C-alpha atoms as a PDB file:
ATOM      1  CA  MET A   1     -53.025  19.381 -20.660  1.00  0.00           C
ATOM      2  CA  LEU A   2     -51.187  16.462 -22.261  1.00  0.00           C
ATOM      3  CA  GLY A   3     -52.174  14.319 -19.296  1.00  0.00           C
ATOM      4  CA  GLU A   4     -55.751  14.251 -20.579  1.00  0.00           C
ATOM      5  CA  ASP A   5     -54.722  12.165 -23.585  1.00  0.00           C
ATOM      6  CA  TYR A   6     -51.428  10.553 -22.584  1.00  0.00           C
ATOM      7  CA  GLN A   7     -49.681   9.063 -19.607  1.00  0.00           C
ATOM      8  CA  VAL A   8     -47.148  11.756 -18.731  1.00  0.00           C
ATOM      9  CA  PHE A   9     -44.012  11.485 -16.614  1.00  0.00           C
ATOM     10  CA  LEU A  10     -42.288  14.689 -15.458  1.00  0.00           C
ATOM     11  CA  ILE A  11     -38.716  13.764 -14.659  1.00  0.00           C
ATOM     12  CA  ASP A  12     -36.254  15.868 -12.688  1.00  0.00           C
ATOM     13  CA  GLN A  13     -32.753  15.487 -14.064  1.00  0.00           C
ATOM     14  CA  ARG A  14     -30.063  14.190 -11.728  1.00  0.00           C
ATOM     15  CA  ASN A  15     -28.829  16.911  -9.344  1.00  0.00           C
ATOM     16  CA  HIS A  16     -32.118  18.783  -9.796  1.00  0.00           C
ATOM     17  CA  GLY A  17     -35.463  18.831  -8.016  1.00  0.00           C
ATOM     18  CA  ARG A  18     -36.220  15.647  -6.105  1.00  0.00           C
ATOM     19  CA  SER A  19     -33.857  13.451  -8.101  1.00  0.00           C
ATOM     20  CA  PRO A  20     -30.731  12.032  -6.441  1.00  0.00           C
ATOM     21  CA  HIS A  21     -27.506  14.007  -6.265  1.00  0.00           C
ATOM     22  CA  PHE A  22     -24.512  12.449  -8.012  1.00  0.00           C
ATOM     23  CA  PRO A  23     -20.900  13.604  -8.471  1.00  0.00           C
ATOM     24  CA  GLU A  24     -21.193  13.192 -12.261  1.00  0.00           C
ATOM     25  CA  HIS A  25     -23.271  15.523 -14.431  1.00  0.00           C
ATOM     26  CA  ASN A  26     -23.166  15.220 -18.214  1.00  0.00           C
ATOM     27  CA  PHE A  27     -25.484  14.266 -21.058  1.00  0.00           C
ATOM     28  CA  GLN A  28     -24.366  10.662 -21.218  1.00  0.00           C
ATOM     29  CA  ALA A  29     -25.195  10.232 -17.542  1.00  0.00           C
ATOM     30  CA  MET A  30     -28.578  11.931 -18.001  1.00  0.00           C
ATOM     31  CA  ALA A  31     -29.413   9.725 -20.988  1.00  0.00           C
ATOM     32  CA  ASP A  32     -28.441   6.669 -18.946  1.00  0.00           C
ATOM     33  CA  ASP A  33     -30.723   7.874 -16.141  1.00  0.00           C
ATOM     34  CA  LEU A  34     -33.619   8.101 -18.581  1.00  0.00           C
ATOM     35  CA  ALA A  35     -32.914   4.625 -19.947  1.00  0.00           C
ATOM     36  CA  TYR A  36     -32.942   3.250 -16.398  1.00  0.00           C
ATOM     37  CA  PHE A  37     -36.176   5.104 -15.568  1.00  0.00           C
ATOM     38  CA  MET A  38     -37.912   3.644 -18.608  1.00  0.00           C
ATOM     39  CA  GLU A  39     -36.693   0.136 -17.900  1.00  0.00           C
ATOM     40  CA  TYR A  40     -37.665   0.353 -14.223  1.00  0.00           C
ATOM     41  CA  ASN A  41     -41.167   1.550 -15.126  1.00  0.00           C
ATOM     42  CA  TRP A  42     -41.638  -0.933 -18.006  1.00  0.00           C
ATOM     43  CA  ILE A  43     -41.804   1.845 -20.596  1.00  0.00           C
ATOM     44  CA  HIS A  44     -40.611   0.403 -23.885  1.00  0.00           C
ATOM     45  CA  HIS A  45     -41.553   3.237 -26.224  1.00  0.00           C
ATOM     46  CA  THR A  46     -42.311   6.907 -25.633  1.00  0.00           C
ATOM     47  CA  HIS A  47     -42.615  10.381 -27.055  1.00  0.00           C
ATOM     48  CA  LEU A  48     -39.905  12.518 -25.499  1.00  0.00           C
ATOM     49  CA  ILE A  49     -40.032  16.244 -24.697  1.00  0.00           C
ATOM     50  CA  GLY A  50     -37.243  18.351 -23.209  1.00  0.00           C
ATOM     51  CA  HIS A  51     -36.395  22.010 -22.744  1.00  0.00           C
ATOM     52  CA  SER A  52     -32.893  23.526 -22.663  1.00  0.00           C
ATOM     53  CA  MET A  53     -30.567  21.131 -20.813  1.00  0.00           C
ATOM     54  CA  GLY A  54     -33.414  18.619 -20.702  1.00  0.00           C
ATOM     55  CA  GLY A  55     -33.816  18.991 -24.449  1.00  0.00           C
ATOM     56  CA  LYS A  56     -30.172  18.210 -25.005  1.00  0.00           C
ATOM     57  CA  ALA A  57     -30.443  15.174 -22.739  1.00  0.00           C
ATOM     58  CA  ALA A  58     -33.476  14.055 -24.758  1.00  0.00           C
ATOM     59  CA  MET A  59     -31.472  14.418 -27.976  1.00  0.00           C
ATOM     60  CA  GLN A  60     -28.638  12.341 -26.513  1.00  0.00           C
ATOM     61  CA  PHE A  61     -31.111   9.624 -25.529  1.00  0.00           C
ATOM     62  CA  ALA A  62     -32.819   9.591 -28.929  1.00  0.00           C
ATOM     63  CA  LEU A  63     -29.497   9.331 -30.746  1.00  0.00           C
ATOM     64  CA  GLN A  64     -28.563   6.291 -28.658  1.00  0.00           C
ATOM     65  CA  HIS A  65     -31.973   4.642 -28.208  1.00  0.00           C
ATOM     66  CA  ALA A  66     -33.906   5.461 -31.375  1.00  0.00           C
ATOM     67  CA  GLU A  67     -35.986   2.306 -31.057  1.00  0.00           C
ATOM     68  CA  LYS A  68     -37.461   3.602 -27.779  1.00  0.00           C
ATOM     69  CA  VAL A  69     -38.512   7.035 -29.086  1.00  0.00           C
ATOM     70  CA  GLY A  70     -41.607   7.707 -31.158  1.00  0.00           C
ATOM     71  CA  LYS A  71     -41.510  11.471 -31.574  1.00  0.00           C
ATOM     72  CA  LEU A  72     -38.987  13.900 -30.156  1.00  0.00           C
ATOM     73  CA  VAL A  73     -39.729  17.490 -29.126  1.00  0.00           C
ATOM     74  CA  VAL A  74     -36.796  19.765 -28.319  1.00  0.00           C
ATOM     75  CA  VAL A  75     -37.573  23.193 -26.882  1.00  0.00           C
ATOM     76  CA  ASP A  76     -35.130  26.059 -27.444  1.00  0.00           C
ATOM     77  CA  ILE A  77     -31.831  24.247 -27.556  1.00  0.00           C
ATOM     78  CA  GLY A  78     -29.696  22.724 -30.288  1.00  0.00           C
ATOM     79  CA  PRO A  79     -27.053  19.991 -30.370  1.00  0.00           C
ATOM     80  CA  LYS A  80     -24.248  22.511 -30.911  1.00  0.00           C
ATOM     81  CA  ALA A  81     -21.719  23.647 -28.305  1.00  0.00           C
ATOM     82  CA  TYR A  82     -22.729  26.770 -26.393  1.00  0.00           C
ATOM     83  CA  ALA A  83     -20.654  29.546 -24.903  1.00  0.00           C
ATOM     84  CA  SER A  84     -20.663  29.929 -21.152  1.00  0.00           C
ATOM     85  CA  GLY A  85     -22.741  32.656 -19.573  1.00  0.00           C
ATOM     86  CA  HIS A  86     -24.254  31.360 -16.355  1.00  0.00           C
ATOM     87  CA  GLU A  87     -21.291  32.242 -14.130  1.00  0.00           C
ATOM     88  CA  PRO A  88     -23.102  35.284 -12.623  1.00  0.00           C
ATOM     89  CA  ILE A  89     -25.957  33.014 -11.577  1.00  0.00           C
ATOM     90  CA  PHE A  90     -23.617  30.571  -9.876  1.00  0.00           C
ATOM     91  CA  GLU A  91     -21.908  33.504  -8.159  1.00  0.00           C
ATOM     92  CA  ALA A  92     -25.226  34.870  -6.925  1.00  0.00           C
ATOM     93  CA  LEU A  93     -26.406  31.512  -5.613  1.00  0.00           C
ATOM     94  CA  LEU A  94     -23.150  30.608  -3.926  1.00  0.00           C
ATOM     95  CA  SER A  95     -22.622  34.013  -2.347  1.00  0.00           C
ATOM     96  CA  ILE A  96     -25.552  33.724   0.054  1.00  0.00           C
ATOM     97  CA  ASP A  97     -25.215  31.815   3.328  1.00  0.00           C
ATOM     98  CA  LEU A  98     -28.516  29.976   3.578  1.00  0.00           C
ATOM     99  CA  SER A  99     -27.815  29.016   7.209  1.00  0.00           C
ATOM    100  CA  THR A 100     -28.452  32.662   8.127  1.00  0.00           C
ATOM    101  CA  VAL A 101     -31.705  32.970   6.163  1.00  0.00           C
ATOM    102  CA  THR A 102     -35.010  33.052   8.036  1.00  0.00           C
ATOM    103  CA  GLU A 103     -37.359  34.197   5.255  1.00  0.00           C
ATOM    104  CA  ARG A 104     -37.569  33.461   1.532  1.00  0.00           C
ATOM    105  CA  GLU A 105     -37.745  37.195   0.843  1.00  0.00           C
ATOM    106  CA  GLN A 106     -34.130  37.532   2.006  1.00  0.00           C
ATOM    107  CA  VAL A 107     -32.949  35.206  -0.738  1.00  0.00           C
ATOM    108  CA  GLU A 108     -35.038  36.924  -3.400  1.00  0.00           C
ATOM    109  CA  ALA A 109     -33.688  40.323  -2.345  1.00  0.00           C
ATOM    110  CA  HIS A 110     -30.154  38.948  -2.536  1.00  0.00           C
ATOM    111  CA  LEU A 111     -30.718  37.634  -6.065  1.00  0.00           C
ATOM    112  CA  ARG A 112     -32.243  40.952  -7.166  1.00  0.00           C
ATOM    113  CA  GLY A 113     -28.983  42.564  -6.127  1.00  0.00           C
ATOM    114  CA  HIS A 114     -27.071  40.339  -8.538  1.00  0.00           C
ATOM    115  CA  MET A 115     -29.383  40.069 -11.550  1.00  0.00           C
ATOM    116  CA  SER A 116     -32.183  42.019 -13.195  1.00  0.00           C
ATOM    117  CA  GLU A 117     -34.252  39.377 -15.030  1.00  0.00           C
ATOM    118  CA  TYR A 118     -37.330  38.826 -12.883  1.00  0.00           C
ATOM    119  CA  GLY A 119     -38.269  35.594 -14.642  1.00  0.00           C
ATOM    120  CA  VAL A 120     -34.841  34.064 -13.964  1.00  0.00           C
ATOM    121  CA  ILE A 121     -35.027  35.085 -10.315  1.00  0.00           C
ATOM    122  CA  GLN A 122     -38.441  33.475  -9.932  1.00  0.00           C
ATOM    123  CA  PHE A 123     -37.184  30.328 -11.651  1.00  0.00           C
ATOM    124  CA  LEU A 124     -34.241  30.128  -9.248  1.00  0.00           C
ATOM    125  CA  MET A 125     -36.501  30.722  -6.254  1.00  0.00           C
ATOM    126  CA  LYS A 126     -38.442  27.567  -7.165  1.00  0.00           C
ATOM    127  CA  ASN A 127     -35.273  25.670  -6.253  1.00  0.00           C
ATOM    128  CA  LEU A 128     -35.253  27.026  -2.697  1.00  0.00           C
ATOM    129  CA  SER A 129     -36.610  24.611  -0.120  1.00  0.00           C
ATOM    130  CA  ARG A 130     -36.984  24.572   3.660  1.00  0.00           C
ATOM    131  CA  SER A 131     -36.410  21.504   5.789  1.00  0.00           C
ATOM    132  CA  LYS A 132     -38.540  20.510   8.759  1.00  0.00           C
ATOM    133  CA  ASP A 133     -36.052  22.105  11.142  1.00  0.00           C
ATOM    134  CA  GLY A 134     -36.476  25.451   9.362  1.00  0.00           C
ATOM    135  CA  VAL A 135     -33.158  25.524   7.507  1.00  0.00           C
ATOM    136  CA  TYR A 136     -33.233  26.648   3.873  1.00  0.00           C
ATOM    137  CA  HIS A 137     -31.319  24.809   1.163  1.00  0.00           C
ATOM    138  CA  TRP A 138     -31.142  24.569  -2.622  1.00  0.00           C
ATOM    139  CA  LYS A 139     -32.804  21.533  -4.181  1.00  0.00           C
ATOM    140  CA  MET A 140     -30.177  21.321  -6.907  1.00  0.00           C
ATOM    141  CA  ASN A 141     -26.661  20.017  -6.322  1.00  0.00           C
ATOM    142  CA  LEU A 142     -25.112  23.444  -6.780  1.00  0.00           C
ATOM    143  CA  PRO A 143     -21.417  22.568  -6.222  1.00  0.00           C
ATOM    144  CA  VAL A 144     -21.493  19.747  -8.799  1.00  0.00           C
ATOM    145  CA  LEU A 145     -23.439  21.815 -11.346  1.00  0.00           C
ATOM    146  CA  LYS A 146     -20.876  24.598 -11.064  1.00  0.00           C
ATOM    147  CA  ASP A 147     -17.911  22.217 -11.154  1.00  0.00           C
ATOM    148  CA  GLN A 148     -19.184  20.360 -14.243  1.00  0.00           C
ATOM    149  CA  TYR A 149     -20.805  23.308 -15.979  1.00  0.00           C
ATOM    150  CA  ALA A 150     -18.525  22.867 -18.999  1.00  0.00           C
ATOM    151  CA  ASP A 151     -19.913  19.372 -19.550  1.00  0.00           C
ATOM    152  CA  ILE A 152     -23.392  20.715 -20.369  1.00  0.00           C
ATOM    153  CA  LEU A 153     -22.059  23.205 -22.911  1.00  0.00           C
ATOM    154  CA  VAL A 154     -20.562  20.573 -25.212  1.00  0.00           C
ATOM    155  CA  GLU A 155     -21.676  19.656 -28.722  1.00  0.00           C
ATOM    156  CA  LEU A 156     -23.603  16.422 -29.141  1.00  0.00           C
ATOM    157  CA  LYS A 157     -22.068  14.050 -31.663  1.00  0.00           C
ATOM    158  CA  SER A 158     -23.234  10.768 -33.166  1.00  0.00           C
ATOM    159  CA  ASP A 159     -22.293   8.601 -36.118  1.00  0.00           C
ATOM    160  CA  THR A 160     -25.939   7.546 -36.401  1.00  0.00           C
ATOM    161  CA  PRO A 161     -28.687  10.179 -36.772  1.00  0.00           C
ATOM    162  CA  PHE A 162     -32.107   9.909 -35.171  1.00  0.00           C
ATOM    163  CA  GLU A 163     -34.487   9.320 -38.070  1.00  0.00           C
ATOM    164  CA  GLY A 164     -37.723   9.723 -36.152  1.00  0.00           C
ATOM    165  CA  PRO A 165     -40.089  12.714 -36.390  1.00  0.00           C
ATOM    166  CA  THR A 166     -38.584  15.619 -34.469  1.00  0.00           C
ATOM    167  CA  LEU A 167     -39.906  19.062 -33.661  1.00  0.00           C
ATOM    168  CA  PHE A 168     -37.599  21.867 -32.585  1.00  0.00           C
ATOM    169  CA  ILE A 169     -39.427  24.780 -30.972  1.00  0.00           C
ATOM    170  CA  ARG A 170     -37.709  28.092 -30.350  1.00  0.00           C
ATOM    171  CA  GLY A 171     -38.725  31.402 -28.865  1.00  0.00           C
ATOM    172  CA  GLU A 172     -38.659  34.316 -31.283  1.00  0.00           C
ATOM    173  CA  LYS A 173     -36.608  36.392 -28.843  1.00  0.00           C
ATOM    174  CA  SER A 174     -34.206  33.591 -27.962  1.00  0.00           C
ATOM    175  CA  ARG A 175     -30.765  33.105 -29.495  1.00  0.00           C
ATOM    176  CA  TYR A 176     -30.387  29.436 -28.616  1.00  0.00           C
ATOM    177  CA  ILE A 177     -31.442  28.144 -32.063  1.00  0.00           C
ATOM    178  CA  LEU A 178     -30.287  30.363 -34.921  1.00  0.00           C
ATOM    179  CA  ASP A 179     -31.180  30.013 -38.585  1.00  0.00           C
ATOM    180  CA  GLU A 180     -27.591  29.087 -39.369  1.00  0.00           C
ATOM    181  CA  ASP A 181     -27.769  26.186 -36.900  1.00  0.00           C
ATOM    182  CA  TRP A 182     -30.380  24.352 -38.952  1.00  0.00           C
ATOM    183  CA  PRO A 183     -28.068  22.470 -41.390  1.00  0.00           C
ATOM    184  CA  GLY A 184     -26.142  21.039 -38.423  1.00  0.00           C
ATOM    185  CA  ILE A 185     -29.369  20.043 -36.702  1.00  0.00           C
ATOM    186  CA  LEU A 186     -30.567  18.205 -39.814  1.00  0.00           C
ATOM    187  CA  GLU A 187     -27.373  16.162 -39.918  1.00  0.00           C
ATOM    188  CA  LEU A 188     -28.332  14.533 -36.613  1.00  0.00           C
ATOM    189  CA  PHE A 189     -32.124  14.837 -36.951  1.00  0.00           C
ATOM    190  CA  PRO A 190     -32.930  14.617 -40.687  1.00  0.00           C
ATOM    191  CA  ASN A 191     -36.679  14.330 -40.125  1.00  0.00           C
ATOM    192  CA  ALA A 192     -36.875  17.515 -38.074  1.00  0.00           C
ATOM    193  CA  ARG A 193     -38.891  20.672 -38.528  1.00  0.00           C
ATOM    194  CA  LEU A 194     -38.708  24.009 -36.754  1.00  0.00           C
ATOM    195  CA  ALA A 195     -41.438  26.113 -35.161  1.00  0.00           C
ATOM    196  CA  THR A 196     -40.955  29.613 -33.775  1.00  0.00           C
ATOM    197  CA  ILE A 197     -43.270  31.042 -31.119  1.00  0.00           C
ATOM    198  CA  PRO A 198     -43.684  34.823 -31.511  1.00  0.00           C
ATOM    199  CA  GLY A 199     -42.793  36.974 -28.535  1.00  0.00           C
ATOM    200  CA  ALA A 200     -41.298  34.136 -26.482  1.00  0.00           C
ATOM    201  CA  GLY A 201     -37.786  34.014 -25.101  1.00  0.00           C
ATOM    202  CA  HIS A 202     -35.769  31.023 -23.909  1.00  0.00           C
ATOM    203  CA  TRP A 203     -38.320  30.178 -21.209  1.00  0.00           C
ATOM    204  CA  VAL A 204     -40.914  29.328 -23.831  1.00  0.00           C
ATOM    205  CA  HIS A 205     -43.117  27.356 -21.452  1.00  0.00           C
ATOM    206  CA  ALA A 206     -43.419  30.403 -19.187  1.00  0.00           C
ATOM    207  CA  ASP A 207     -43.732  33.041 -21.922  1.00  0.00           C
ATOM    208  CA  ALA A 208     -46.231  31.217 -24.141  1.00  0.00           C
ATOM    209  CA  PRO A 209     -47.570  28.090 -22.420  1.00  0.00           C
ATOM    210  CA  LYS A 210     -50.748  27.777 -24.498  1.00  0.00           C
ATOM    211  CA  GLU A 211     -48.942  28.178 -27.810  1.00  0.00           C
ATOM    212  CA  LEU A 212     -46.259  25.691 -26.793  1.00  0.00           C
ATOM    213  CA  LEU A 213     -48.804  23.125 -25.629  1.00  0.00           C
ATOM    214  CA  GLU A 214     -50.783  23.419 -28.847  1.00  0.00           C
ATOM    215  CA  LEU A 215     -47.681  22.883 -30.988  1.00  0.00           C
ATOM    216  CA  VAL A 216     -46.701  19.824 -28.982  1.00  0.00           C
ATOM    217  CA  ARG A 217     -50.224  18.417 -28.979  1.00  0.00           C
ATOM    218  CA  GLN A 218     -50.597  18.758 -32.753  1.00  0.00           C
ATOM    219  CA  PHE A 219     -47.182  17.294 -33.456  1.00  0.00           C
ATOM    220  CA  ILE A 220     -47.725  14.225 -31.292  1.00  0.00           C
ATOM    221  CA  ALA A 221     -51.300  13.653 -32.475  1.00  0.00           C
ATOM    222  CA  ASN A 222     -50.590  13.934 -36.203  1.00  0.00           C
ATOM    223  CA  ALA A 223     -49.539  10.841 -38.100  1.00  0.00           C
ATOM    224  CA  VAL A 224     -46.649  12.723 -39.715  1.00  0.00           C
END
């Protein structure tokens, strides 16, 4: 674990997990959140790791606060604009009335009726919580995420590239970082290199946790 050698902070993005819910959800806001978190905790310099949306938020932060970032690790996402595709997930989540649910299995069965990817279903189920009075609810701010979905599909742009050491990691079976994306990535992150984990899909940390950890550990530990 990275925690054996480094002080590690695992941060839920706004509108996710235990972080506050806000009406605004975009990469500028998420980068501002991270800047506030670092200032509040007296963190002046850090290595930054992010996956998917979190990876794009990390890129936004590094482009704006290069002096605060030592090394940047971006897992299975690029700075380019992405096509939509999560509408069926929003539909599945919003189509169940959680006030009528008495067991977690009811929600899982409902999701299985709308999608076939077991890993995605299990990931979504991690967002299901139960209050002390027994009522189930989603941890994430689902209405805002759906309403501002387009804002997390946008291309990241910057007049100033991040010159620091950067590692992009992709899953071999994922289509989020394509070979033809690399020239555009280098424009914003000229000191970047790419690693591909065999057999892994977009959820690299679930498909190949040991391989991912080893890549990250070596990259951070090495002087170059």
